[in-house]
Amino acid sequence: MVTLNPVMSHTIGKKKKLAHRVARIRGQVDALARALDGEAECGDVMRLIASARGAMDSLMAEVIEGHIRNHAFRGARARSEESQAAEDLVDIIRSYLK
């Protein structure tokens, strides 16, 4: 069971954007289910899986970035070395999830 933390301002602030991403992912997963039900070609199924995975990775990158900026490196704006470390970490995670 997933327990939601009520103090996640970075997700609340981007709720509409994140909800839109989730709706797109839901549509992609629904398309995948229809393709499997319709016995689509394996190439088409793999493309649908890759597309859904890419969308999930992008969603994860967005949430991780918010977490890093708002929780892990809170106040780093005042300290340029920590601020740069936060930016580097965000870039690395985004590259990894592509």
Protein backbone atom coordinates (compact mmCIF):
# COMPACT_ATOMS: atom_id res chain seq x y z
CA MET A 1 0.00 0.00 0.00
CA VAL A 2 1.27 3.45 -0.90
CA THR A 3 1.13 6.06 1.82
CA LEU A 4 0.84 9.60 0.55
CA ASN A 5 2.70 12.35 2.34
CA PRO A 6 0.40 15.36 2.70
CA VAL A 7 3.38 17.75 2.67
CA MET A 8 4.55 17.55 -0.95
CA SER A 9 4.22 21.13 -2.12
CA HIS A 10 6.16 20.51 -5.31
CA THR A 11 3.56 18.00 -6.54
CA ILE A 12 0.64 20.07 -5.34
CA GLY A 13 2.02 23.11 -7.15
CA LYS A 14 2.28 21.14 -10.40
CA LYS A 15 -0.82 19.03 -9.84
CA LYS A 16 -2.51 19.98 -13.12
CA LYS A 17 0.63 19.32 -15.18
CA LEU A 18 1.31 16.00 -13.45
CA ALA A 19 -2.33 14.93 -13.76
CA HIS A 20 -2.18 15.68 -17.49
CA ARG A 21 0.91 13.47 -17.81
CA VAL A 22 -0.85 10.66 -15.93
CA ALA A 23 -3.88 10.96 -18.22
CA ARG A 24 -1.61 10.58 -21.26
CA ILE A 25 0.06 7.56 -19.68
CA ARG A 26 -3.35 6.04 -18.96
CA GLY A 27 -4.25 6.51 -22.62
CA GLN A 28 -1.03 4.84 -23.72
CA VAL A 29 -1.60 1.87 -21.40
CA ASP A 30 -5.20 1.57 -22.61
CA ALA A 31 -3.91 1.52 -26.21
CA LEU A 32 -1.46 -1.21 -25.22
CA ALA A 33 -4.27 -3.27 -23.67
CA ARG A 34 -6.36 -2.85 -26.83
CA ALA A 35 -3.40 -3.90 -28.98
CA LEU A 36 -2.89 -7.04 -26.91
CA ASP A 37 -6.60 -7.85 -26.96
CA GLY A 38 -6.62 -7.34 -30.71
CA GLU A 39 -3.55 -9.56 -31.13
CA ALA A 40 -1.50 -6.76 -32.70
CA GLU A 41 1.90 -7.42 -34.23
CA CYS A 42 4.72 -7.70 -31.70
CA GLY A 43 6.52 -4.68 -33.22
CA ASP A 44 3.47 -2.50 -32.60
CA VAL A 45 3.13 -3.83 -29.05
CA MET A 46 6.79 -3.12 -28.32
CA ARG A 47 6.45 0.45 -29.64
CA LEU A 48 3.45 0.99 -27.38
CA ILE A 49 5.37 -0.39 -24.39
CA ALA A 50 8.37 1.84 -25.18
CA SER A 51 6.11 4.86 -25.49
CA ALA A 52 4.40 4.18 -22.15
CA ARG A 53 7.74 3.55 -20.48
CA GLY A 54 9.13 6.83 -21.83
CA ALA A 55 6.11 8.68 -20.50
CA MET A 56 6.51 7.07 -17.07
CA ASP A 57 10.21 7.92 -17.04
CA SER A 58 9.40 11.55 -17.88
CA LEU A 59 6.84 11.68 -15.08
CA MET A 60 9.36 10.20 -12.66
CA ALA A 61 12.01 12.73 -13.74
CA GLU A 62 9.57 15.59 -13.14
CA VAL A 63 8.69 14.39 -9.62
CA ILE A 64 12.32 13.62 -8.72
CA GLU A 65 13.40 17.06 -9.92
CA GLY A 66 10.79 18.70 -7.72
CA HIS A 67 11.87 16.58 -4.78
CA ILE A 68 15.53 17.47 -5.24
CA ARG A 69 14.83 21.19 -5.59
CA ASN A 70 12.25 21.41 -2.79
CA HIS A 71 13.39 18.84 -0.24
CA ALA A 72 16.88 17.47 -0.75
CA PHE A 73 18.55 20.79 -1.54
CA ARG A 74 16.19 23.22 0.14
CA GLY A 75 17.92 26.54 0.63
CA ALA A 76 20.71 25.63 -1.78
CA ARG A 77 20.05 28.80 -3.73
CA ALA A 78 22.06 30.68 -1.10
CA ARG A 79 25.03 28.31 -1.43
CA SER A 80 26.23 28.15 -5.01
CA GLU A 81 28.18 24.88 -4.60
CA GLU A 82 25.11 23.01 -3.31
CA SER A 83 22.93 24.69 -5.90
CA GLN A 84 25.25 23.47 -8.65
CA ALA A 85 25.22 19.97 -7.13
CA ALA A 86 21.39 19.98 -7.27
CA GLU A 87 21.42 21.10 -10.91
CA ASP A 88 23.99 18.43 -11.79
CA LEU A 89 21.93 15.74 -10.07
CA VAL A 90 18.77 16.79 -11.92
CA ASP A 91 20.64 16.70 -15.25
CA ILE A 92 22.09 13.26 -14.52
CA ILE A 93 18.71 11.81 -13.55
CA ARG A 94 17.02 13.27 -16.63
CA SER A 95 19.75 11.80 -18.85
CA TYR A 96 19.47 8.42 -17.16
CA LEU A 97 15.71 8.25 -17.54
CA LYS A 98 15.76 9.11 -21.28
